Amino acid sequence: MSNKKYLKQQHHNIIVDMGDFIMQYGDQKLNHSESKLSETIYSAAKNDLKGLDRLFKDKGFGRTEKFFKIGEGYINDMYVNNLRNDLTPEQIHQKAEALAKEAIEYLGNHPKEFDKWELA
């Protein structure tokens, strides 16, 4: 697999992982009260990721300390460690926020992919 294909696959994997995480977190915070959880999460966050804070009533903890941290870990692993790019903490956070937005968009465009785990 070429390096470009590998990076593209890893990028897709982290987007899916972030979606899985926010679904699990949402399921915990909402106590299984949502039948279409992916749509509920997407609707809350599609215009502003801070909508997750209001949905989960957690003062931003899940968004900043969990959801973004997954993206930051990926960026550190892929860009800083593997590609030897020097990024500032602010640049890493900005890239993580962009990943989070992309993950929410992916969640909104593929709700059945994420809702299926609820049936397991």
PDB file of N, CA and C in Angstrom:
ATOM      1  N   MET A   1       0.853  -1.170   0.000  1.00  0.00           N
ATOM      2  CA  MET A   1       0.000   0.000   0.000  1.00  0.00           C
ATOM      3  C   MET A   1       0.899   1.233   0.000  1.00  0.00           C
ATOM      4  N   SER A   2       0.588   2.168  -0.872  1.00  0.00           N
ATOM      5  CA  SER A   2       1.380   3.393  -0.932  1.00  0.00           C
ATOM      6  C   SER A   2       1.156   4.234   0.323  1.00  0.00           C
ATOM      7  N   ASN A   3       2.097   5.109   0.586  1.00  0.00           N
ATOM      8  CA  ASN A   3       2.009   5.967   1.764  1.00  0.00           C
ATOM      9  C   ASN A   3       0.753   6.842   1.715  1.00  0.00           C
ATOM     10  N   LYS A   4       0.424   7.340   0.532  1.00  0.00           N
ATOM     11  CA  LYS A   4      -0.761   8.194   0.380  1.00  0.00           C
ATOM     12  C   LYS A   4      -2.039   7.410   0.693  1.00  0.00           C
ATOM     13  N   LYS A   5      -2.126   6.173   0.180  1.00  0.00           N
ATOM     14  CA  LYS A   5      -3.291   5.326   0.458  1.00  0.00           C
ATOM     15  C   LYS A   5      -3.373   4.993   1.943  1.00  0.00           C
ATOM     16  N   TYR A   6      -2.218   4.707   2.529  1.00  0.00           N
ATOM     17  CA  TYR A   6      -2.165   4.385   3.953  1.00  0.00           C
ATOM     18  C   TYR A   6      -2.679   5.559   4.785  1.00  0.00           C
ATOM     19  N   LEU A   7      -2.210   6.757   4.485  1.00  0.00           N
ATOM     20  CA  LEU A   7      -2.646   7.942   5.231  1.00  0.00           C
ATOM     21  C   LEU A   7      -4.144   8.191   5.055  1.00  0.00           C
ATOM     22  N   LYS A   8      -4.638   7.978   3.839  1.00  0.00           N
ATOM     23  CA  LYS A   8      -6.068   8.159   3.583  1.00  0.00           C
ATOM     24  C   LYS A   8      -6.889   7.146   4.378  1.00  0.00           C
ATOM     25  N   GLN A   9      -6.434   5.899   4.421  1.00  0.00           N
ATOM     26  CA  GLN A   9      -7.137   4.862   5.177  1.00  0.00           C
ATOM     27  C   GLN A   9      -7.107   5.164   6.671  1.00  0.00           C
ATOM     28  N   GLN A  10      -5.959   5.600   7.172  1.00  0.00           N
ATOM     29  CA  GLN A  10      -5.851   5.943   8.588  1.00  0.00           C
ATOM     30  C   GLN A  10      -6.756   7.120   8.936  1.00  0.00           C
ATOM     31  N   HIS A  11      -6.834   8.078   8.039  1.00  0.00           N
ATOM     32  CA  HIS A  11      -7.708   9.234   8.252  1.00  0.00           C
ATOM     33  C   HIS A  11      -9.167   8.775   8.350  1.00  0.00           C
ATOM     34  N   HIS A  12      -9.571   7.919   7.434  1.00  0.00           N
ATOM     35  CA  HIS A  12     -10.934   7.385   7.471  1.00  0.00           C
ATOM     36  C   HIS A  12     -11.172   6.621   8.774  1.00  0.00           C
ATOM     37  N   ASN A  13     -10.208   5.810   9.171  1.00  0.00           N
ATOM     38  CA  ASN A  13     -10.356   5.025  10.398  1.00  0.00           C
ATOM     39  C   ASN A  13     -10.553   5.910  11.620  1.00  0.00           C
ATOM     40  N   ILE A  14      -9.825   7.006  11.712  1.00  0.00           N
ATOM     41  CA  ILE A  14      -9.973   7.871  12.887  1.00  0.00           C
ATOM     42  C   ILE A  14     -11.325   8.578  12.860  1.00  0.00           C
ATOM     43  N   ILE A  15     -11.811   8.928  11.699  1.00  0.00           N
ATOM     44  CA  ILE A  15     -13.138   9.555  11.591  1.00  0.00           C
ATOM     45  C   ILE A  15     -14.199   8.578  12.100  1.00  0.00           C
ATOM     46  N   VAL A  16     -14.098   7.332  11.699  1.00  0.00           N
ATOM     47  CA  VAL A  16     -15.047   6.310  12.158  1.00  0.00           C
ATOM     48  C   VAL A  16     -14.885   6.071  13.660  1.00  0.00           C
ATOM     49  N   ASP A  17     -13.645   5.995  14.132  1.00  0.00           N
ATOM     50  CA  ASP A  17     -13.412   5.807  15.573  1.00  0.00           C
ATOM     51  C   ASP A  17     -14.009   6.949  16.390  1.00  0.00           C
ATOM     52  N   MET A  18     -13.846   8.165  15.905  1.00  0.00           N
ATOM     53  CA  MET A  18     -14.410   9.313  16.617  1.00  0.00           C
ATOM     54  C   MET A  18     -15.935   9.232  16.628  1.00  0.00           C
ATOM     55  N   GLY A  19     -16.514   8.812  15.501  1.00  0.00           N
ATOM     56  CA  GLY A  19     -17.963   8.627  15.447  1.00  0.00           C
ATOM     57  C   GLY A  19     -18.432   7.555  16.413  1.00  0.00           C
ATOM     58  N   ASP A  20     -17.705   6.448  16.452  1.00  0.00           N
ATOM     59  CA  ASP A  20     -18.040   5.381  17.405  1.00  0.00           C
ATOM     60  C   ASP A  20     -17.969   5.890  18.835  1.00  0.00           C
ATOM     61  N   PHE A  21     -16.917   6.641  19.131  1.00  0.00           N
ATOM     62  CA  PHE A  21     -16.777   7.160  20.492  1.00  0.00           C
ATOM     63  C   PHE A  21     -17.949   8.061  20.862  1.00  0.00           C
ATOM     64  N   ILE A  22     -18.291   9.000  19.986  1.00  0.00           N
ATOM     65  CA  ILE A  22     -19.336   9.968  20.345  1.00  0.00           C
ATOM     66  C   ILE A  22     -20.684   9.260  20.459  1.00  0.00           C
ATOM     67  N   MET A  23     -20.874   8.187  19.707  1.00  0.00           N
ATOM     68  CA  MET A  23     -22.095   7.388  19.850  1.00  0.00           C
ATOM     69  C   MET A  23     -22.125   6.696  21.210  1.00  0.00           C
ATOM     70  N   GLN A  24     -21.021   6.090  21.605  1.00  0.00           N
ATOM     71  CA  GLN A  24     -20.971   5.414  22.906  1.00  0.00           C
ATOM     72  C   GLN A  24     -21.143   6.413  24.045  1.00  0.00           C
ATOM     73  N   TYR A  25     -20.475   7.544  23.932  1.00  0.00           N
ATOM     74  CA  TYR A  25     -20.582   8.571  24.966  1.00  0.00           C
ATOM     75  C   TYR A  25     -22.024   9.089  25.042  1.00  0.00           C
ATOM     76  N   GLY A  26     -22.612   9.329  23.878  1.00  0.00           N
ATOM     77  CA  GLY A  26     -23.995   9.793  23.839  1.00  0.00           C
ATOM     78  C   GLY A  26     -24.954   8.778  24.428  1.00  0.00           C
ATOM     79  N   ASP A  27     -24.719   7.518  24.141  1.00  0.00           N
ATOM     80  CA  ASP A  27     -25.556   6.461  24.694  1.00  0.00           C
ATOM     81  C   ASP A  27     -25.485   6.461  26.218  1.00  0.00           C
ATOM     82  N   GLN A  28     -24.291   6.638  26.756  1.00  0.00           N
ATOM     83  CA  GLN A  28     -24.126   6.690  28.218  1.00  0.00           C
ATOM     84  C   GLN A  28     -24.795   7.925  28.813  1.00  0.00           C
ATOM     85  N   LYS A  29     -24.547   9.073  28.210  1.00  0.00           N
ATOM     86  CA  LYS A  29     -25.057  10.329  28.773  1.00  0.00           C
ATOM     87  C   LYS A  29     -26.575  10.437  28.660  1.00  0.00           C
ATOM     88  N   LEU A  30     -27.132   9.879  27.606  1.00  0.00           N
ATOM     89  CA  LEU A  30     -28.578   9.986  27.379  1.00  0.00           C
ATOM     90  C   LEU A  30     -29.322   8.760  27.889  1.00  0.00           C
ATOM     91  N   ASN A  31     -28.624   7.850  28.521  1.00  0.00           N
ATOM     92  CA  ASN A  31     -29.237   6.675  29.150  1.00  0.00           C
ATOM     93  C   ASN A  31     -30.138   5.881  28.210  1.00  0.00           C
ATOM     94  N   HIS A  32     -29.624   5.601  27.022  1.00  0.00           N
ATOM     95  CA  HIS A  32     -30.367   4.796  26.037  1.00  0.00           C
ATOM     96  C   HIS A  32     -31.726   5.406  25.686  1.00  0.00           C
ATOM     97  N   SER A  33     -31.882   6.695  25.862  1.00  0.00           N
ATOM     98  CA  SER A  33     -33.198   7.306  25.654  1.00  0.00           C
ATOM     99  C   SER A  33     -33.441   7.729  24.210  1.00  0.00           C
ATOM    100  N   GLU A  34     -32.477   7.551  23.342  1.00  0.00           N
ATOM    101  CA  GLU A  34     -32.634   7.976  21.952  1.00  0.00           C
ATOM    102  C   GLU A  34     -32.645   6.762  21.029  1.00  0.00           C
ATOM    103  N   SER A  35     -33.696   6.636  20.216  1.00  0.00           N
ATOM    104  CA  SER A  35     -33.757   5.502  19.305  1.00  0.00           C
ATOM    105  C   SER A  35     -32.918   5.751  18.052  1.00  0.00           C
ATOM    106  N   LYS A  36     -32.776   6.992  17.655  1.00  0.00           N
ATOM    107  CA  LYS A  36     -31.949   7.339  16.497  1.00  0.00           C
ATOM    108  C   LYS A  36     -30.833   8.244  16.988  1.00  0.00           C
ATOM    109  N   LEU A  37     -29.951   7.662  17.742  1.00  0.00           N
ATOM    110  CA  LEU A  37     -28.911   8.413  18.423  1.00  0.00           C
ATOM    111  C   LEU A  37     -28.015   9.181  17.460  1.00  0.00           C
ATOM    112  N   SER A  38     -27.636   8.566  16.348  1.00  0.00           N
ATOM    113  CA  SER A  38     -26.741   9.256  15.410  1.00  0.00           C
ATOM    114  C   SER A  38     -27.386  10.532  14.882  1.00  0.00           C
ATOM    115  N   GLU A  39     -28.674  10.491  14.582  1.00  0.00           N
ATOM    116  CA  GLU A  39     -29.369  11.684  14.097  1.00  0.00           C
ATOM    117  C   GLU A  39     -29.454  12.749  15.182  1.00  0.00           C
ATOM    118  N   THR A  40     -29.679  12.330  16.413  1.00  0.00           N
ATOM    119  CA  THR A  40     -29.757  13.266  17.530  1.00  0.00           C
ATOM    120  C   THR A  40     -28.416  13.967  17.732  1.00  0.00           C
ATOM    121  N   ILE A  41     -27.339  13.197  17.711  1.00  0.00           N
ATOM    122  CA  ILE A  41     -26.003  13.772  17.895  1.00  0.00           C
ATOM    123  C   ILE A  41     -25.656  14.687  16.731  1.00  0.00           C
ATOM    124  N   TYR A  42     -25.913  14.231  15.516  1.00  0.00           N
ATOM    125  CA  TYR A  42     -25.616  15.048  14.340  1.00  0.00           C
ATOM    126  C   TYR A  42     -26.393  16.363  14.377  1.00  0.00           C
ATOM    127  N   SER A  43     -27.666  16.294  14.684  1.00  0.00           N
ATOM    128  CA  SER A  43     -28.484  17.514  14.743  1.00  0.00           C
ATOM    129  C   SER A  43     -27.954  18.501  15.775  1.00  0.00           C
ATOM    130  N   ALA A  44     -27.479  17.986  16.891  1.00  0.00           N
ATOM    131  CA  ALA A  44     -26.962  18.857  17.951  1.00  0.00           C
ATOM    132  C   ALA A  44     -25.653  19.524  17.553  1.00  0.00           C
ATOM    133  N   ALA A  45     -24.832  18.845  16.751  1.00  0.00           N
ATOM    134  CA  ALA A  45     -23.472  19.325  16.491  1.00  0.00           C
ATOM    135  C   ALA A  45     -23.222  19.826  15.075  1.00  0.00           C
ATOM    136  N   LYS A  46     -24.178  19.668  14.166  1.00  0.00           N
ATOM    137  CA  LYS A  46     -23.885  19.960  12.763  1.00  0.00           C
ATOM    138  C   LYS A  46     -23.499  21.412  12.507  1.00  0.00           C
ATOM    139  N   ASN A  47     -24.083  22.354  13.229  1.00  0.00           N
ATOM    140  CA  ASN A  47     -23.757  23.762  13.016  1.00  0.00           C
ATOM    141  C   ASN A  47     -22.695  24.279  13.969  1.00  0.00           C
ATOM    142  N   ASP A  48     -22.558  23.620  15.102  1.00  0.00           N
ATOM    143  CA  ASP A  48     -21.610  24.063  16.125  1.00  0.00           C
ATOM    144  C   ASP A  48     -21.332  22.882  17.045  1.00  0.00           C
ATOM    145  N   LEU A  49     -20.075  22.496  17.138  1.00  0.00           N
ATOM    146  CA  LEU A  49     -19.727  21.348  17.979  1.00  0.00           C
ATOM    147  C   LEU A  49     -20.107  21.551  19.437  1.00  0.00           C
ATOM    148  N   LYS A  50     -20.261  22.796  19.859  1.00  0.00           N
ATOM    149  CA  LYS A  50     -20.674  23.058  21.239  1.00  0.00           C
ATOM    150  C   LYS A  50     -22.112  22.618  21.494  1.00  0.00           C
ATOM    151  N   GLY A  51     -22.826  22.295  20.435  1.00  0.00           N
ATOM    152  CA  GLY A  51     -24.153  21.717  20.592  1.00  0.00           C
ATOM    153  C   GLY A  51     -24.098  20.390  21.334  1.00  0.00           C
ATOM    154  N   LEU A  52     -22.954  19.711  21.247  1.00  0.00           N
ATOM    155  CA  LEU A  52     -22.772  18.469  22.011  1.00  0.00           C
ATOM    156  C   LEU A  52     -22.811  18.750  23.508  1.00  0.00           C
ATOM    157  N   ASP A  53     -22.265  19.892  23.911  1.00  0.00           N
ATOM    158  CA  ASP A  53     -22.245  20.259  25.334  1.00  0.00           C
ATOM    159  C   ASP A  53     -23.667  20.387  25.867  1.00  0.00           C
ATOM    160  N   ARG A  54     -24.511  21.029  25.064  1.00  0.00           N
ATOM    161  CA  ARG A  54     -25.912  21.212  25.472  1.00  0.00           C
ATOM    162  C   ARG A  54     -26.661  19.880  25.465  1.00  0.00           C
ATOM    163  N   LEU A  55     -26.402  19.060  24.469  1.00  0.00           N
ATOM    164  CA  LEU A  55     -27.073  17.763  24.378  1.00  0.00           C
ATOM    165  C   LEU A  55     -26.703  16.864  25.555  1.00  0.00           C
ATOM    166  N   PHE A  56     -25.426  16.789  25.851  1.00  0.00           N
ATOM    167  CA  PHE A  56     -24.957  15.884  26.899  1.00  0.00           C
ATOM    168  C   PHE A  56     -24.984  16.501  28.291  1.00  0.00           C
ATOM    169  N   LYS A  57     -25.188  17.813  28.341  1.00  0.00           N
ATOM    170  CA  LYS A  57     -25.225  18.529  29.633  1.00  0.00           C
ATOM    171  C   LYS A  57     -23.986  18.200  30.474  1.00  0.00           C
ATOM    172  N   ASP A  58     -22.815  18.316  29.830  1.00  0.00           N
ATOM    173  CA  ASP A  58     -21.563  17.961  30.512  1.00  0.00           C
ATOM    174  C   ASP A  58     -20.538  19.096  30.528  1.00  0.00           C
ATOM    175  N   LYS A  59     -20.998  20.307  30.217  1.00  0.00           N
ATOM    176  CA  LYS A  59     -20.134  21.502  30.222  1.00  0.00           C
ATOM    177  C   LYS A  59     -18.933  21.358  29.286  1.00  0.00           C
ATOM    178  N   GLY A  60     -19.084  20.584  28.234  1.00  0.00           N
ATOM    179  CA  GLY A  60     -18.036  20.434  27.230  1.00  0.00           C
ATOM    180  C   GLY A  60     -17.030  19.331  27.490  1.00  0.00           C
ATOM    181  N   PHE A  61     -17.192  18.608  28.577  1.00  0.00           N
ATOM    182  CA  PHE A  61     -16.212  17.578  28.930  1.00  0.00           C
ATOM    183  C   PHE A  61     -16.048  16.534  27.822  1.00  0.00           C
ATOM    184  N   GLY A  62     -17.133  15.971  27.363  1.00  0.00           N
ATOM    185  CA  GLY A  62     -17.048  14.929  26.333  1.00  0.00           C
ATOM    186  C   GLY A  62     -16.428  15.441  25.045  1.00  0.00           C
ATOM    187  N   ARG A  63     -16.788  16.662  24.680  1.00  0.00           N
ATOM    188  CA  ARG A  63     -16.272  17.253  23.437  1.00  0.00           C
ATOM    189  C   ARG A  63     -14.782  17.563  23.544  1.00  0.00           C
ATOM    190  N   THR A  64     -14.379  18.233  24.623  1.00  0.00           N
ATOM    191  CA  THR A  64     -12.996  18.699  24.711  1.00  0.00           C
ATOM    192  C   THR A  64     -12.031  17.675  25.293  1.00  0.00           C
ATOM    193  N   GLU A  65     -12.471  16.943  26.288  1.00  0.00           N
ATOM    194  CA  GLU A  65     -11.562  16.029  26.983  1.00  0.00           C
ATOM    195  C   GLU A  65     -11.598  14.608  26.447  1.00  0.00           C
ATOM    196  N   LYS A  66     -12.558  14.306  25.625  1.00  0.00           N
ATOM    197  CA  LYS A  66     -12.666  12.953  25.070  1.00  0.00           C
ATOM    198  C   LYS A  66     -12.614  12.991  23.538  1.00  0.00           C
ATOM    199  N   PHE A  67     -13.634  13.600  22.922  1.00  0.00           N
ATOM    200  CA  PHE A  67     -13.783  13.610  21.467  1.00  0.00           C
ATOM    201  C   PHE A  67     -12.565  14.248  20.795  1.00  0.00           C
ATOM    202  N   PHE A  68     -12.192  15.458  21.216  1.00  0.00           N
ATOM    203  CA  PHE A  68     -11.037  16.128  20.625  1.00  0.00           C
ATOM    204  C   PHE A  68      -9.743  15.377  20.925  1.00  0.00           C
ATOM    205  N   LYS A  69      -9.637  14.782  22.094  1.00  0.00           N
ATOM    206  CA  LYS A  69      -8.398  14.091  22.484  1.00  0.00           C
ATOM    207  C   LYS A  69      -8.106  12.901  21.572  1.00  0.00           C
ATOM    208  N   ILE A  70      -9.145  12.243  21.082  1.00  0.00           N
ATOM    209  CA  ILE A  70      -8.943  11.152  20.125  1.00  0.00           C
ATOM    210  C   ILE A  70      -8.274  11.707  18.873  1.00  0.00           C
ATOM    211  N   GLY A  71      -8.789  12.819  18.374  1.00  0.00           N
ATOM    212  CA  GLY A  71      -8.199  13.467  17.201  1.00  0.00           C
ATOM    213  C   GLY A  71      -6.787  13.953  17.457  1.00  0.00           C
ATOM    214  N   GLU A  72      -6.558  14.535  18.627  1.00  0.00           N
ATOM    215  CA  GLU A  72      -5.218  15.016  18.962  1.00  0.00           C
ATOM    216  C   GLU A  72      -4.219  13.860  19.030  1.00  0.00           C
ATOM    217  N   GLY A  73      -4.640  12.737  19.582  1.00  0.00           N
ATOM    218  CA  GLY A  73      -3.763  11.568  19.633  1.00  0.00           C
ATOM    219  C   GLY A  73      -3.405  11.080  18.242  1.00  0.00           C
ATOM    220  N   TYR A  74      -4.392  11.039  17.361  1.00  0.00           N
ATOM    221  CA  TYR A  74      -4.153  10.635  15.977  1.00  0.00           C
ATOM    222  C   TYR A  74      -3.174  11.594  15.304  1.00  0.00           C
ATOM    223  N   ILE A  75      -3.400  12.884  15.471  1.00  0.00           N
ATOM    224  CA  ILE A  75      -2.529  13.878  14.837  1.00  0.00           C
ATOM    225  C   ILE A  75      -1.103  13.747  15.365  1.00  0.00           C
ATOM    226  N   ASN A  76      -0.963  13.567  16.658  1.00  0.00           N
ATOM    227  CA  ASN A  76       0.379  13.357  17.216  1.00  0.00           C
ATOM    228  C   ASN A  76       1.033  12.121  16.619  1.00  0.00           C
ATOM    229  N   ASP A  77       0.288  11.026  16.552  1.00  0.00           N
ATOM    230  CA  ASP A  77       0.843   9.778  16.022  1.00  0.00           C
ATOM    231  C   ASP A  77       1.201   9.891  14.543  1.00  0.00           C
ATOM    232  N   MET A  78       0.276  10.404  13.747  1.00  0.00           N
ATOM    233  CA  MET A  78       0.466  10.404  12.303  1.00  0.00           C
ATOM    234  C   MET A  78       1.357  11.536  11.808  1.00  0.00           C
ATOM    235  N   TYR A  79       1.133  12.729  12.295  1.00  0.00           N
ATOM    236  CA  TYR A  79       1.832  13.884  11.743  1.00  0.00           C
ATOM    237  C   TYR A  79       3.122  14.203  12.485  1.00  0.00           C
ATOM    238  N   VAL A  80       3.066  14.218  13.774  1.00  0.00           N
ATOM    239  CA  VAL A  80       4.243  14.606  14.546  1.00  0.00           C
ATOM    240  C   VAL A  80       5.234  13.453  14.626  1.00  0.00           C
ATOM    241  N   ASN A  81       4.785  12.289  15.065  1.00  0.00           N
ATOM    242  CA  ASN A  81       5.700  11.157  15.248  1.00  0.00           C
ATOM    243  C   ASN A  81       6.123  10.514  13.931  1.00  0.00           C
ATOM    244  N   ASN A  82       5.165  10.210  13.055  1.00  0.00           N
ATOM    245  CA  ASN A  82       5.481   9.480  11.824  1.00  0.00           C
ATOM    246  C   ASN A  82       6.022  10.362  10.706  1.00  0.00           C
ATOM    247  N   LEU A  83       5.459  11.528  10.533  1.00  0.00           N
ATOM    248  CA  LEU A  83       5.861  12.386   9.417  1.00  0.00           C
ATOM    249  C   LEU A  83       6.881  13.435   9.831  1.00  0.00           C
ATOM    250  N   ARG A  84       7.196  13.474  11.100  1.00  0.00           N
ATOM    251  CA  ARG A  84       8.203  14.387  11.642  1.00  0.00           C
ATOM    252  C   ARG A  84       7.868  15.857  11.397  1.00  0.00           C
ATOM    253  N   ASN A  85       6.591  16.160  11.419  1.00  0.00           N
ATOM    254  CA  ASN A  85       6.163  17.558  11.321  1.00  0.00           C
ATOM    255  C   ASN A  85       6.117  18.151  12.714  1.00  0.00           C
ATOM    256  N   ASP A  86       6.640  19.325  12.853  1.00  0.00           N
ATOM    257  CA  ASP A  86       6.573  20.013  14.137  1.00  0.00           C
ATOM    258  C   ASP A  86       5.326  20.880  14.153  1.00  0.00           C
ATOM    259  N   LEU A  87       4.378  20.490  14.963  1.00  0.00           N
ATOM    260  CA  LEU A  87       3.144  21.255  15.109  1.00  0.00           C
ATOM    261  C   LEU A  87       3.073  21.784  16.531  1.00  0.00           C
ATOM    262  N   THR A  88       2.571  22.985  16.662  1.00  0.00           N
ATOM    263  CA  THR A  88       2.378  23.544  17.996  1.00  0.00           C
ATOM    264  C   THR A  88       1.139  22.902  18.615  1.00  0.00           C
ATOM    265  N   PRO A  89       1.010  22.968  19.929  1.00  0.00           N
ATOM    266  CA  PRO A  89      -0.214  22.453  20.554  1.00  0.00           C
ATOM    267  C   PRO A  89      -1.478  23.104  19.981  1.00  0.00           C
ATOM    268  N   GLU A  90      -1.407  24.379  19.660  1.00  0.00           N
ATOM    269  CA  GLU A  90      -2.570  25.066  19.073  1.00  0.00           C
ATOM    270  C   GLU A  90      -2.897  24.497  17.691  1.00  0.00           C
ATOM    271  N   GLN A  91      -1.877  24.227  16.879  1.00  0.00           N
ATOM    272  CA  GLN A  91      -2.108  23.640  15.558  1.00  0.00           C
ATOM    273  C   GLN A  91      -2.706  22.240  15.680  1.00  0.00           C
ATOM    274  N   ILE A  92      -2.219  21.482  16.637  1.00  0.00           N
ATOM    275  CA  ILE A  92      -2.763  20.142  16.870  1.00  0.00           C
ATOM    276  C   ILE A  92      -4.228  20.245  17.270  1.00  0.00           C
ATOM    277  N   HIS A  93      -4.547  21.182  18.164  1.00  0.00           N
ATOM    278  CA  HIS A  93      -5.940  21.362  18.594  1.00  0.00           C
ATOM    279  C   HIS A  93      -6.823  21.777  17.416  1.00  0.00           C
ATOM    280  N   GLN A  94      -6.334  22.680  16.578  1.00  0.00           N
ATOM    281  CA  GLN A  94      -7.108  23.117  15.413  1.00  0.00           C
ATOM    282  C   GLN A  94      -7.372  21.953  14.462  1.00  0.00           C
ATOM    283  N   LYS A  95      -6.361  21.138  14.239  1.00  0.00           N
ATOM    284  CA  LYS A  95      -6.545  19.970  13.370  1.00  0.00           C
ATOM    285  C   LYS A  95      -7.511  18.963  14.004  1.00  0.00           C
ATOM    286  N   ALA A  96      -7.440  18.816  15.322  1.00  0.00           N
ATOM    287  CA  ALA A  96      -8.360  17.909  16.020  1.00  0.00           C
ATOM    288  C   ALA A  96      -9.793  18.413  15.917  1.00  0.00           C
ATOM    289  N   GLU A  97      -9.981  19.719  16.018  1.00  0.00           N
ATOM    290  CA  GLU A  97     -11.327  20.283  15.874  1.00  0.00           C
ATOM    291  C   GLU A  97     -11.850  20.052  14.459  1.00  0.00           C
ATOM    292  N   ALA A  98     -10.985  20.205  13.465  1.00  0.00           N
ATOM    293  CA  ALA A  98     -11.389  19.938  12.082  1.00  0.00           C
ATOM    294  C   ALA A  98     -11.761  18.464  11.907  1.00  0.00           C
ATOM    295  N   LEU A  99     -10.997  17.567  12.522  1.00  0.00           N
ATOM    296  CA  LEU A  99     -11.334  16.140  12.475  1.00  0.00           C
ATOM    297  C   LEU A  99     -12.681  15.881  13.137  1.00  0.00           C
ATOM    298  N   ALA A 100     -12.931  16.542  14.259  1.00  0.00           N
ATOM    299  CA  ALA A 100     -14.203  16.368  14.966  1.00  0.00           C
ATOM    300  C   ALA A 100     -15.368  16.808  14.083  1.00  0.00           C
ATOM    301  N   LYS A 101     -15.210  17.920  13.395  1.00  0.00           N
ATOM    302  CA  LYS A 101     -16.262  18.392  12.481  1.00  0.00           C
ATOM    303  C   LYS A 101     -16.476  17.387  11.355  1.00  0.00           C
ATOM    304  N   GLU A 102     -15.379  16.863  10.843  1.00  0.00           N
ATOM    305  CA  GLU A 102     -15.477  15.861   9.780  1.00  0.00           C
ATOM    306  C   GLU A 102     -16.157  14.588  10.287  1.00  0.00           C
ATOM    307  N   ALA A 103     -15.843  14.192  11.513  1.00  0.00           N
ATOM    308  CA  ALA A 103     -16.462  12.998  12.101  1.00  0.00           C
ATOM    309  C   ALA A 103     -17.966  13.191  12.275  1.00  0.00           C
ATOM    310  N   ILE A 104     -18.377  14.374  12.708  1.00  0.00           N
ATOM    311  CA  ILE A 104     -19.812  14.664  12.858  1.00  0.00           C
ATOM    312  C   ILE A 104     -20.489  14.646  11.496  1.00  0.00           C
ATOM    313  N   GLU A 105     -19.835  15.218  10.499  1.00  0.00           N
ATOM    314  CA  GLU A 105     -20.395  15.221   9.145  1.00  0.00           C
ATOM    315  C   GLU A 105     -20.536  13.783   8.631  1.00  0.00           C
ATOM    316  N   TYR A 106     -19.528  12.963   8.872  1.00  0.00           N
ATOM    317  CA  TYR A 106     -19.577  11.558   8.459  1.00  0.00           C
ATOM    318  C   TYR A 106     -20.709  10.837   9.185  1.00  0.00           C
ATOM    319  N   LEU A 107     -20.847  11.097  10.461  1.00  0.00           N
ATOM    320  CA  LEU A 107     -21.928  10.508  11.255  1.00  0.00           C
ATOM    321  C   LEU A 107     -23.288  10.876  10.658  1.00  0.00           C
ATOM    322  N   GLY A 108     -23.443  12.142  10.292  1.00  0.00           N
ATOM    323  CA  GLY A 108     -24.702  12.594   9.710  1.00  0.00           C
ATOM    324  C   GLY A 108     -24.991  11.986   8.349  1.00  0.00           C
ATOM    325  N   ASN A 109     -23.936  11.696   7.599  1.00  0.00           N
ATOM    326  CA  ASN A 109     -24.105  11.118   6.265  1.00  0.00           C
ATOM    327  C   ASN A 109     -24.198   9.596   6.259  1.00  0.00           C
ATOM    328  N   HIS A 110     -23.875   8.967   7.389  1.00  0.00           N
ATOM    329  CA  HIS A 110     -23.894   7.502   7.488  1.00  0.00           C
ATOM    330  C   HIS A 110     -24.568   7.051   8.785  1.00  0.00           C
ATOM    331  N   PRO A 111     -25.770   7.514   9.067  1.00  0.00           N
ATOM    332  CA  PRO A 111     -26.384   7.207  10.366  1.00  0.00           C
ATOM    333  C   PRO A 111     -26.594   5.713  10.610  1.00  0.00           C
ATOM    334  N   LYS A 112     -26.963   4.977   9.584  1.00  0.00           N
ATOM    335  CA  LYS A 112     -27.227   3.543   9.780  1.00  0.00           C
ATOM    336  C   LYS A 112     -25.957   2.782  10.148  1.00  0.00           C
ATOM    337  N   GLU A 113     -24.827   3.240   9.643  1.00  0.00           N
ATOM    338  CA  GLU A 113     -23.547   2.605   9.978  1.00  0.00           C
ATOM    339  C   GLU A 113     -23.275   2.703  11.482  1.00  0.00           C
ATOM    340  N   PHE A 114     -23.711   3.795  12.086  1.00  0.00           N
ATOM    341  CA  PHE A 114     -23.463   4.003  13.510  1.00  0.00           C
ATOM    342  C   PHE A 114     -24.616   3.518  14.379  1.00  0.00           C
ATOM    343  N   ASP A 115     -25.831   3.580  13.880  1.00  0.00           N
ATOM    344  CA  ASP A 115     -26.967   3.117  14.678  1.00  0.00           C
ATOM    345  C   ASP A 115     -27.003   1.600  14.797  1.00  0.00           C
ATOM    346  N   LYS A 116     -26.377   0.896  13.860  1.00  0.00           N
ATOM    347  CA  LYS A 116     -26.436  -0.574  13.880  1.00  0.00           C
ATOM    348  C   LYS A 116     -25.817  -1.162  15.138  1.00  0.00           C
ATOM    349  N   TRP A 117     -24.821  -0.503  15.725  1.00  0.00           N
ATOM    350  CA  TRP A 117     -24.194  -1.058  16.932  1.00  0.00           C
ATOM    351  C   TRP A 117     -25.166  -1.082  18.100  1.00  0.00           C
ATOM    352  N   GLU A 118     -26.189  -0.222  18.050  1.00  0.00           N
ATOM    353  CA  GLU A 118     -27.174  -0.201  19.133  1.00  0.00           C
ATOM    354  C   GLU A 118     -27.953  -1.512  19.208  1.00  0.00           C
ATOM    355  N   LEU A 119     -28.061  -2.186  18.088  1.00  0.00           N
ATOM    356  CA  LEU A 119     -28.840  -3.418  18.035  1.00  0.00           C
ATOM    357  C   LEU A 119     -28.069  -4.611  18.573  1.00  0.00           C
ATOM    358  N   ALA A 120     -26.766  -4.470  18.692  1.00  0.00           N
ATOM    359  CA  ALA A 120     -25.931  -5.598  19.143  1.00  0.00           C
ATOM    360  C   ALA A 120     -26.105  -5.881  20.617  1.00  0.00           C
TER     361      ALA A 120
END
